[in-house]
């Protein structure tokens, strides 16, 4: 069996020595190792469990496979998954893909930092700093047993990645605790947890929507037998490309984003975006019909690749069949722009059913409920106008339809929630509390 971290629930007192030693040893400006606490409020009928966790250096490392720049590599002697900082563009795609919250975005350097297993020390016969500093022996490093995950918590994510981590002890009892517990509460808070899906992903929202709009406009022109307005089409693609740059930490390294097209969905998306943008702009300005058709096909492939970026990170059915995915939205926009009533009705019904399900799920309230309702209303209103016989809708109806599709894409980012240990802890705790109350 390979070597990895060995953690004992019974001995962890959440003192933070592992975190501190990790930072001091490597001179980090981020905090690669965290101590996660299940039932931090000490709900009386549930166990309180601490877990010290950093990168698990998984055998099936999704951070390594998904990185578009090839910044990650596996050190052959130790098996450590290491990131080369000079290659990282700070796109944060690895943060989406890692369920253990291991990659950390360094807001100062604008790149990712993560546990490197102190692999240079391992090669010299020393233990990782975190394991060496643990005062209670809760965290160790050594050869893993064949039943490494037999004692893992029910909420621990994605064991199929084969993380090099072993659990021991009893996770159903209250472990040792430090008194006073809240002495370092402010220092231990992680600001990276306080995220907003809209403000954090606004650039991707603009990019994906404008790209969808440009592909839809191009294909609609092919069907209608004309060419798009040159200036408007060029402006749409240019704004899409520029907005995407705001989600990268190091714009000067953006050329590296196509270095891992073999395994990274994001790298394939960016490569296809470059091809689509170049060919479609040339086709529109040269007014060559066969190039317009070719770039339309590439545009549809691009939308499928954009969707695959999100499906790779969040494999839930609710995201895969979401009404705000780019490919489905493009088909609806094309049918609307071309006045194709039957295709429009078919695709609109799919969107209405999925949107209505989300609207009645009651898992979101307030303004989000209002946005979902507004989006549904706009689709129905503009759909009725199209079905009633107006092949080319007036500007007001056109604007309402485009606003509705934009809101649908916005809702997609709200619902997009990649597997993450913080979310799983929270959700499982809520579930157990409810179960205890009902019992």
Protein backbone atom coordinates (compact mmCIF):
# COMPACT_ATOMS: atom_id res chain seq x y z
CA UNK A 1 0.00 0.00 0.00
CA UNK A 2 1.19 3.58 -0.67
CA UNK A 3 2.06 6.11 2.00
CA UNK A 4 -0.38 8.82 3.02
CA UNK A 5 -1.83 10.79 5.92
CA UNK A 6 -3.27 8.81 8.83
CA UNK A 7 -5.79 10.65 10.98
CA UNK A 8 -7.21 9.61 14.38
CA UNK A 9 -10.48 11.29 15.43
CA UNK A 10 -9.99 10.46 19.11
CA UNK A 11 -6.78 12.48 19.39
CA UNK A 12 -7.51 15.68 17.46
CA UNK A 13 -8.15 18.70 19.69
CA UNK A 14 -8.27 21.25 16.85
CA UNK A 15 -5.25 23.11 18.23
CA UNK A 16 -4.12 24.29 14.77
CA UNK A 17 -0.49 23.18 15.16
CA UNK A 18 -0.68 21.31 11.85
CA UNK A 19 -1.89 24.43 10.07
CA UNK A 20 0.75 26.66 11.58
CA UNK A 21 3.64 24.30 10.90
CA UNK A 22 2.53 23.85 7.30
CA UNK A 23 2.59 27.62 6.74
CA UNK A 24 5.91 28.15 8.53
CA UNK A 25 7.68 25.26 6.81
CA UNK A 26 6.71 26.32 3.30
CA UNK A 27 6.35 30.07 3.84
CA UNK A 28 2.84 29.95 2.42
CA UNK A 29 0.76 33.06 1.86
CA UNK A 30 -2.33 30.80 1.83
CA UNK A 31 -3.50 28.13 4.29
CA UNK A 32 -3.27 24.73 2.56
CA UNK A 33 -4.24 22.70 5.63
CA UNK A 34 -7.56 23.23 7.37
CA UNK A 35 -9.20 21.70 10.43
CA UNK A 36 -12.83 20.98 9.57
CA UNK A 37 -15.27 20.57 12.42
CA UNK A 38 -18.49 18.62 12.09
CA UNK A 39 -21.07 19.94 14.56
CA UNK A 40 -18.97 22.96 15.56
CA UNK A 41 -21.92 24.28 17.61
CA UNK A 42 -21.81 21.09 19.73
CA UNK A 43 -25.42 20.08 19.09
CA UNK A 44 -26.04 17.81 22.07
CA UNK A 45 -27.38 14.71 20.31
CA UNK A 46 -24.71 14.62 17.57
CA UNK A 47 -20.97 13.86 17.72
CA UNK A 48 -18.43 16.64 17.41
CA UNK A 49 -15.72 15.59 14.96
CA UNK A 50 -12.53 17.39 13.95
CA UNK A 51 -10.64 16.46 10.78
CA UNK A 52 -7.29 17.92 9.79
CA UNK A 53 -7.23 17.96 6.00
CA UNK A 54 -5.06 19.29 3.21
CA UNK A 55 -4.40 17.84 -0.25
CA UNK A 56 -4.88 14.06 -0.20
CA UNK A 57 -2.65 13.55 -3.27
CA UNK A 58 -5.31 11.33 -4.83
CA UNK A 59 -4.41 8.56 -7.23
CA UNK A 60 -7.12 9.93 -9.53
CA UNK A 61 -6.31 13.60 -9.01
CA UNK A 62 -8.96 15.74 -10.74
CA UNK A 63 -6.95 18.91 -10.07
CA UNK A 64 -4.09 17.49 -12.14
CA UNK A 65 -6.29 16.15 -14.95
CA UNK A 66 -8.51 19.21 -15.17
CA UNK A 67 -5.85 21.93 -15.07
CA UNK A 68 -5.82 23.65 -18.49
CA UNK A 69 -2.21 24.80 -18.22
CA UNK A 70 -0.60 21.55 -17.08
CA UNK A 71 0.61 23.31 -13.93
CA UNK A 72 0.19 20.16 -11.82
CA UNK A 73 2.51 17.19 -11.84
CA UNK A 74 2.99 14.07 -9.72
CA UNK A 75 6.41 13.78 -8.08
CA UNK A 76 7.41 10.19 -8.96
CA UNK A 77 9.26 9.18 -5.77
CA UNK A 78 6.71 10.39 -3.20
CA UNK A 79 3.49 10.45 -5.25
CA UNK A 80 2.91 14.08 -4.23
CA UNK A 81 0.64 16.15 -6.48
CA UNK A 82 2.51 19.43 -6.85
CA UNK A 83 1.66 22.67 -8.61
CA UNK A 84 4.27 24.69 -10.49
CA UNK A 85 3.47 28.27 -9.62
CA UNK A 86 5.22 29.72 -12.67
CA UNK A 87 2.74 27.93 -14.95
CA UNK A 88 -0.48 28.69 -13.05
CA UNK A 89 -2.83 31.30 -14.56
CA UNK A 90 -5.10 31.46 -11.50
CA UNK A 91 -8.24 30.30 -13.34
CA UNK A 92 -9.36 28.44 -10.18
CA UNK A 93 -10.78 25.52 -12.14
CA UNK A 94 -8.97 23.12 -9.81
CA UNK A 95 -10.93 24.63 -6.90
CA UNK A 96 -14.17 23.65 -8.61
CA UNK A 97 -12.95 20.12 -9.28
CA UNK A 98 -11.40 19.24 -5.91
CA UNK A 99 -14.03 18.03 -3.41
CA UNK A 100 -11.56 18.37 -0.51
CA UNK A 101 -11.08 22.15 -0.85
CA UNK A 102 -7.32 21.62 -1.20
CA UNK A 103 -6.30 24.25 -3.80
CA UNK A 104 -6.32 27.76 -2.33
CA UNK A 105 -6.36 30.97 -4.37
CA UNK A 106 -3.63 33.40 -3.35
CA UNK A 107 -5.22 36.83 -3.85
CA UNK A 108 -1.79 38.48 -3.63
CA UNK A 109 0.05 36.34 -6.18
CA UNK A 110 -3.17 35.72 -8.17
CA UNK A 111 -2.36 32.02 -8.46
CA UNK A 112 -3.18 28.76 -6.68
CA UNK A 113 -1.24 27.38 -3.72
CA UNK A 114 -1.68 23.92 -2.20
CA UNK A 115 -0.06 21.27 -0.01
CA UNK A 116 2.97 19.73 -1.71
CA UNK A 117 3.41 16.97 0.91
CA UNK A 118 6.72 18.62 1.88
CA UNK A 119 8.04 16.23 -0.76
CA UNK A 120 11.59 17.59 -0.73
CA UNK A 121 11.75 16.73 2.98
CA UNK A 122 10.27 13.28 2.36
CA UNK A 123 13.05 12.60 -0.13
CA UNK A 124 15.52 13.41 2.66
CA UNK A 125 13.77 11.09 5.12
CA UNK A 126 11.78 13.72 7.04
CA UNK A 127 8.04 13.70 7.74
CA UNK A 128 5.66 16.37 6.39
CA UNK A 129 5.69 19.40 8.70
CA UNK A 130 2.04 18.97 9.72
CA UNK A 131 2.46 15.36 10.87
CA UNK A 132 5.73 16.16 12.61
CA UNK A 133 4.16 19.05 14.57
CA UNK A 134 0.95 17.36 15.75
CA UNK A 135 1.26 17.32 19.59
CA UNK A 136 -1.37 14.61 20.21
CA UNK A 137 -0.42 12.16 17.47
CA UNK A 138 -3.76 12.66 15.74
CA UNK A 139 -2.08 13.28 12.38
CA UNK A 140 0.61 10.93 11.12
CA UNK A 141 2.19 10.00 7.82
CA UNK A 142 3.03 6.46 6.80
CA UNK A 143 1.90 3.33 4.99
CA UNK A 144 -1.86 3.09 4.57
CA UNK A 145 -3.82 -0.06 5.37
CA UNK A 146 -6.14 -1.79 2.89
CA UNK A 147 -9.18 -0.61 4.86
CA UNK A 148 -8.20 3.06 4.89
CA UNK A 149 -11.75 4.34 4.41
CA UNK A 150 -13.62 1.93 6.62
CA UNK A 151 -13.86 4.56 9.38
CA UNK A 152 -14.44 7.62 7.20
CA UNK A 153 -17.42 9.89 7.99
CA UNK A 154 -20.60 9.42 5.98
CA UNK A 155 -20.26 12.95 4.61
CA UNK A 156 -16.65 12.58 3.44
CA UNK A 157 -16.64 13.27 -0.34
CA UNK A 158 -15.74 11.25 -3.42
CA UNK A 159 -13.76 8.26 -2.26
CA UNK A 160 -13.54 7.14 -5.91
CA UNK A 161 -10.66 9.57 -6.38
CA UNK A 162 -8.64 7.23 -4.14
CA UNK A 163 -7.28 9.89 -1.76
CA UNK A 164 -4.17 8.79 0.12
CA UNK A 165 -5.75 9.17 3.54
CA UNK A 166 -6.64 6.78 6.34
CA UNK A 167 -9.04 7.29 9.25
CA UNK A 168 -8.93 5.64 12.65
CA UNK A 169 -10.67 6.09 15.98
CA UNK A 170 -14.35 6.55 16.68
CA UNK A 171 -16.14 9.37 14.90
CA UNK A 172 -19.41 8.88 16.78
CA UNK A 173 -18.25 10.20 20.15
CA UNK A 174 -17.25 13.63 21.39
CA UNK A 175 -13.44 13.94 21.07
CA UNK A 176 -11.02 15.90 23.21
CA UNK A 177 -11.55 19.64 23.09
CA UNK A 178 -9.48 22.73 23.88
CA UNK A 179 -10.86 25.19 26.42
CA UNK A 180 -11.49 28.04 25.68
CA UNK A 181 -12.46 26.88 22.17
CA UNK A 182 -13.16 30.30 20.66
CA UNK A 183 -9.84 31.95 21.52
CA UNK A 184 -8.61 31.80 17.93
CA UNK A 185 -12.01 31.87 16.20
CA UNK A 186 -11.38 35.08 14.25
CA UNK A 187 -7.95 33.92 13.10
CA UNK A 188 -9.25 30.49 12.05
CA UNK A 189 -12.08 31.79 9.88
CA UNK A 190 -11.41 31.16 6.21
CA UNK A 191 -12.51 34.08 4.01
CA UNK A 192 -12.47 31.80 0.96
CA UNK A 193 -15.61 30.10 2.25
CA UNK A 194 -17.67 33.30 1.95
CA UNK A 195 -18.40 33.13 -1.74
CA UNK A 196 -21.19 34.51 -3.89
CA UNK A 197 -21.93 32.50 -7.06
CA UNK A 198 -22.90 35.64 -8.99
CA UNK A 199 -20.23 38.16 -8.00
CA UNK A 200 -17.47 35.53 -8.07
CA UNK A 201 -18.44 34.28 -11.53
CA UNK A 202 -19.74 37.45 -13.18
CA UNK A 203 -17.04 37.35 -15.87
CA UNK A 204 -17.91 33.74 -16.76
CA UNK A 205 -21.59 34.64 -16.79
CA UNK A 206 -20.97 37.42 -19.32
CA UNK A 207 -18.57 35.28 -21.37
CA UNK A 208 -20.82 32.22 -21.61
CA UNK A 209 -23.96 34.24 -22.38
CA UNK A 210 -22.35 36.40 -25.08
CA UNK A 211 -20.75 33.32 -26.65
CA UNK A 212 -24.13 31.58 -26.70
CA UNK A 213 -25.67 34.68 -28.29
CA UNK A 214 -22.96 34.91 -30.96
CA UNK A 215 -23.28 31.22 -31.95
CA UNK A 216 -27.07 31.51 -32.04
CA UNK A 217 -26.89 34.64 -34.21
CA UNK A 218 -24.47 32.95 -36.61
CA UNK A 219 -26.60 29.82 -37.05
CA UNK A 220 -29.77 31.90 -37.38
CA UNK A 221 -28.12 33.81 -40.23
CA UNK A 222 -27.28 30.55 -42.00
CA UNK A 223 -30.92 29.40 -41.69
CA UNK A 224 -32.29 32.79 -42.79
CA UNK A 225 -29.85 32.99 -45.70
CA UNK A 226 -28.09 36.20 -44.70
CA UNK A 227 -25.02 37.42 -42.80
CA UNK A 228 -24.95 38.93 -39.30
CA UNK A 229 -24.25 42.61 -38.78
CA UNK A 230 -20.43 42.78 -38.93
CA UNK A 231 -19.84 45.37 -36.21
CA UNK A 232 -22.35 43.92 -33.76
CA UNK A 233 -21.06 40.36 -34.27
CA UNK A 234 -17.43 41.42 -33.81
CA UNK A 235 -18.35 43.42 -30.68
CA UNK A 236 -20.21 40.44 -29.16
CA UNK A 237 -17.30 38.02 -29.63
CA UNK A 238 -14.73 40.60 -28.49
CA UNK A 239 -16.63 41.39 -25.27
CA UNK A 240 -17.04 37.65 -24.60
CA UNK A 241 -13.30 37.05 -24.91
CA UNK A 242 -12.34 40.10 -22.86
CA UNK A 243 -14.77 39.28 -20.04
CA UNK A 244 -13.36 35.75 -19.71
CA UNK A 245 -9.93 37.20 -18.90
CA UNK A 246 -11.25 38.71 -15.67
CA UNK A 247 -11.57 35.23 -14.16
CA UNK A 248 -7.85 34.54 -14.53
CA UNK A 249 -5.27 35.69 -12.06
CA UNK A 250 -2.38 35.99 -14.51
CA UNK A 251 -3.55 37.29 -17.89
CA UNK A 252 0.01 37.34 -19.29
CA UNK A 253 0.12 33.55 -18.98
CA UNK A 254 -3.22 32.96 -20.67
CA UNK A 255 -1.46 31.32 -23.63
CA UNK A 256 -0.77 28.34 -21.37
CA UNK A 257 -4.49 27.58 -21.11
CA UNK A 258 -4.40 25.28 -24.16
CA UNK A 259 -1.49 23.18 -22.89
CA UNK A 260 -3.61 20.30 -21.53
CA UNK A 261 -6.20 19.63 -24.22
CA UNK A 262 -5.78 15.87 -23.78
CA UNK A 263 -7.52 15.71 -20.39
CA UNK A 264 -8.75 19.18 -19.39
CA UNK A 265 -12.31 20.20 -20.42
CA UNK A 266 -11.38 23.84 -19.85
CA UNK A 267 -8.34 23.61 -22.11
CA UNK A 268 -10.47 22.08 -24.89
CA UNK A 269 -13.06 24.82 -24.45
CA UNK A 270 -10.47 27.58 -24.78
CA UNK A 271 -8.87 25.94 -27.82
CA UNK A 272 -12.25 25.65 -29.54
CA UNK A 273 -13.10 29.26 -28.58
CA UNK A 274 -9.97 30.52 -30.34
CA UNK A 275 -10.81 28.48 -33.45
CA UNK A 276 -14.47 29.55 -33.46
CA UNK A 277 -13.73 33.25 -32.91
CA UNK A 278 -11.09 33.40 -35.64
CA UNK A 279 -13.07 31.45 -38.23
CA UNK A 280 -16.46 33.07 -37.58
CA UNK A 281 -15.12 36.63 -37.71
CA UNK A 282 -13.33 35.85 -40.98
CA UNK A 283 -16.48 34.19 -42.35
CA UNK A 284 -18.71 37.15 -41.49
CA UNK A 285 -16.35 39.80 -42.86
CA UNK A 286 -15.48 37.82 -46.00
CA UNK A 287 -19.12 36.78 -46.50
CA UNK A 288 -18.18 33.26 -47.56
CA UNK A 289 -21.21 30.98 -47.02
CA UNK A 290 -19.28 27.71 -46.62
CA UNK A 291 -17.12 29.26 -43.89
CA UNK A 292 -20.24 30.54 -42.18
CA UNK A 293 -21.62 26.99 -42.08
CA UNK A 294 -18.29 25.58 -40.84
CA UNK A 295 -17.99 28.16 -38.07
CA UNK A 296 -21.62 27.46 -37.06
CA UNK A 297 -20.81 23.78 -36.55
CA UNK A 298 -17.69 24.67 -34.56
CA UNK A 299 -19.82 27.09 -32.52
CA UNK A 300 -22.20 24.31 -31.48
CA UNK A 301 -19.23 22.15 -30.50
CA UNK A 302 -17.90 25.08 -28.47
CA UNK A 303 -21.17 25.33 -26.53
CA UNK A 304 -21.05 21.61 -25.75
CA UNK A 305 -17.47 22.06 -24.50
CA UNK A 306 -18.51 25.02 -22.34
CA UNK A 307 -21.21 22.86 -20.73
CA UNK A 308 -18.71 20.01 -20.24
CA UNK A 309 -16.49 22.32 -18.13
CA UNK A 310 -19.30 22.60 -15.58
CA UNK A 311 -20.45 18.98 -15.83
CA UNK A 312 -16.88 17.86 -15.04
CA UNK A 313 -16.97 19.81 -11.77
CA UNK A 314 -20.63 19.24 -10.82
CA UNK A 315 -22.02 15.91 -12.01
CA UNK A 316 -25.45 16.25 -10.42
CA UNK A 317 -28.43 15.56 -12.67
CA UNK A 318 -29.96 18.93 -11.76
CA UNK A 319 -27.00 20.68 -13.42
CA UNK A 320 -26.69 18.38 -16.44
CA UNK A 321 -30.34 18.94 -17.43
CA UNK A 322 -30.45 22.57 -16.27
CA UNK A 323 -32.41 24.99 -18.44
CA UNK A 324 -29.53 27.48 -18.33
CA UNK A 325 -26.94 25.30 -20.06
CA UNK A 326 -25.50 27.00 -23.14
CA UNK A 327 -26.29 24.35 -25.78
CA UNK A 328 -29.98 24.12 -24.87
CA UNK A 329 -30.27 27.90 -24.63
CA UNK A 330 -28.69 28.28 -28.06
CA UNK A 331 -31.23 25.95 -29.64
CA UNK A 332 -34.07 27.99 -28.14
CA UNK A 333 -32.55 31.31 -29.26
CA UNK A 334 -32.04 29.97 -32.80
CA UNK A 335 -35.64 28.81 -33.04
CA UNK A 336 -36.82 32.20 -31.74
CA UNK A 337 -34.62 34.24 -34.10
CA UNK A 338 -35.72 32.15 -37.10
CA UNK A 339 -39.40 32.01 -36.15
CA UNK A 340 -39.37 28.18 -36.00
CA UNK A 341 -42.47 27.61 -33.89
CA UNK A 342 -42.46 23.82 -33.42
CA UNK A 343 -38.77 23.55 -32.35
CA UNK A 344 -39.33 26.56 -30.09
CA UNK A 345 -42.32 24.95 -28.37
CA UNK A 346 -40.43 21.68 -27.84
CA UNK A 347 -37.31 23.30 -26.33
CA UNK A 348 -39.32 25.86 -24.37
CA UNK A 349 -41.33 23.07 -22.74
CA UNK A 350 -38.11 21.43 -21.58
CA UNK A 351 -36.99 24.73 -20.08
CA UNK A 352 -40.36 25.46 -18.51
CA UNK A 353 -40.55 22.03 -16.83
CA UNK A 354 -37.02 22.23 -15.40
CA UNK A 355 -37.48 25.88 -14.34
CA UNK A 356 -40.85 25.18 -12.72
CA UNK A 357 -39.35 22.28 -10.77
CA UNK A 358 -36.65 24.56 -9.38
CA UNK A 359 -39.24 27.24 -8.64
CA UNK A 360 -41.37 24.87 -6.54
CA UNK A 361 -38.49 23.07 -4.84
CA UNK A 362 -38.57 25.62 -1.97
CA UNK A 363 -34.84 25.29 -1.42
CA UNK A 364 -34.33 28.96 -2.28
CA UNK A 365 -36.29 31.99 -1.18
CA UNK A 366 -36.42 35.77 -1.48
CA UNK A 367 -35.01 37.50 -4.54
CA UNK A 368 -33.92 34.25 -6.14
CA UNK A 369 -37.50 33.00 -6.13
CA UNK A 370 -38.47 36.27 -7.79
CA UNK A 371 -35.75 35.88 -10.44
CA UNK A 372 -36.84 32.30 -11.19
CA UNK A 373 -40.47 33.41 -11.49
CA UNK A 374 -39.55 36.38 -13.71
CA UNK A 375 -37.45 34.19 -15.98
CA UNK A 376 -40.35 31.73 -16.38
CA UNK A 377 -42.81 34.54 -17.05
CA UNK A 378 -40.60 36.12 -19.72
CA UNK A 379 -40.24 32.82 -21.54
CA UNK A 380 -44.00 32.24 -21.56
CA UNK A 381 -44.83 35.82 -22.62
CA UNK A 382 -42.34 35.95 -25.49
CA UNK A 383 -43.23 32.40 -26.51
CA UNK A 384 -46.91 33.32 -26.83
CA UNK A 385 -45.94 36.27 -29.04
CA UNK A 386 -43.93 34.00 -31.35
CA UNK A 387 -46.57 31.26 -31.48
CA UNK A 388 -49.29 33.80 -32.20
CA UNK A 389 -47.79 34.42 -35.65
CA UNK A 390 -45.15 37.14 -35.37
CA UNK A 391 -42.15 35.60 -37.12
CA UNK A 392 -39.92 38.61 -36.50
CA UNK A 393 -40.71 39.97 -33.04
CA UNK A 394 -40.48 43.66 -32.34
CA UNK A 395 -37.64 45.13 -30.29
CA UNK A 396 -39.50 45.00 -26.97
CA UNK A 397 -40.32 41.30 -27.29
CA UNK A 398 -36.80 40.62 -28.56
CA UNK A 399 -35.30 42.42 -25.54
CA UNK A 400 -37.56 40.59 -23.08
CA UNK A 401 -36.59 37.25 -24.61
CA UNK A 402 -32.83 37.97 -24.39
CA UNK A 403 -33.20 39.21 -20.80
CA UNK A 404 -35.00 35.98 -19.93
CA UNK A 405 -32.18 33.87 -21.38
CA UNK A 406 -29.62 35.96 -19.49
CA UNK A 407 -31.53 35.36 -16.24
CA UNK A 408 -31.58 31.64 -17.03
CA UNK A 409 -27.79 31.64 -17.32
CA UNK A 410 -27.52 33.63 -14.09
CA UNK A 411 -29.68 31.04 -12.31
CA UNK A 412 -27.39 28.31 -13.66
CA UNK A 413 -24.46 29.79 -11.74
CA UNK A 414 -26.56 29.97 -8.58
CA UNK A 415 -27.49 26.29 -8.91
CA UNK A 416 -23.96 25.25 -9.95
CA UNK A 417 -22.48 23.80 -6.77
CA UNK A 418 -19.43 21.53 -7.22
CA UNK A 419 -18.87 18.79 -4.65
CA UNK A 420 -17.08 20.34 -1.68
CA UNK A 421 -16.40 19.15 1.84
CA UNK A 422 -17.69 22.40 3.40
CA UNK A 423 -21.07 22.02 1.71
CA UNK A 424 -21.28 18.32 2.58
CA UNK A 425 -20.56 18.96 6.26
CA UNK A 426 -23.23 21.65 6.41
CA UNK A 427 -25.86 19.64 4.53
CA UNK A 428 -25.26 16.42 6.44
CA UNK A 429 -25.43 18.23 9.77
CA UNK A 430 -28.75 19.84 8.83
CA UNK A 431 -30.06 16.43 7.76
CA UNK A 432 -29.01 14.75 11.02
CA UNK A 433 -30.49 17.56 13.11
CA UNK A 434 -33.80 17.18 11.33
CA UNK A 435 -33.68 13.41 11.76
CA UNK A 436 -33.04 13.76 15.48
CA UNK A 437 -35.94 16.19 15.86
CA UNK A 438 -38.30 13.89 13.98
CA UNK A 439 -37.08 10.90 16.02
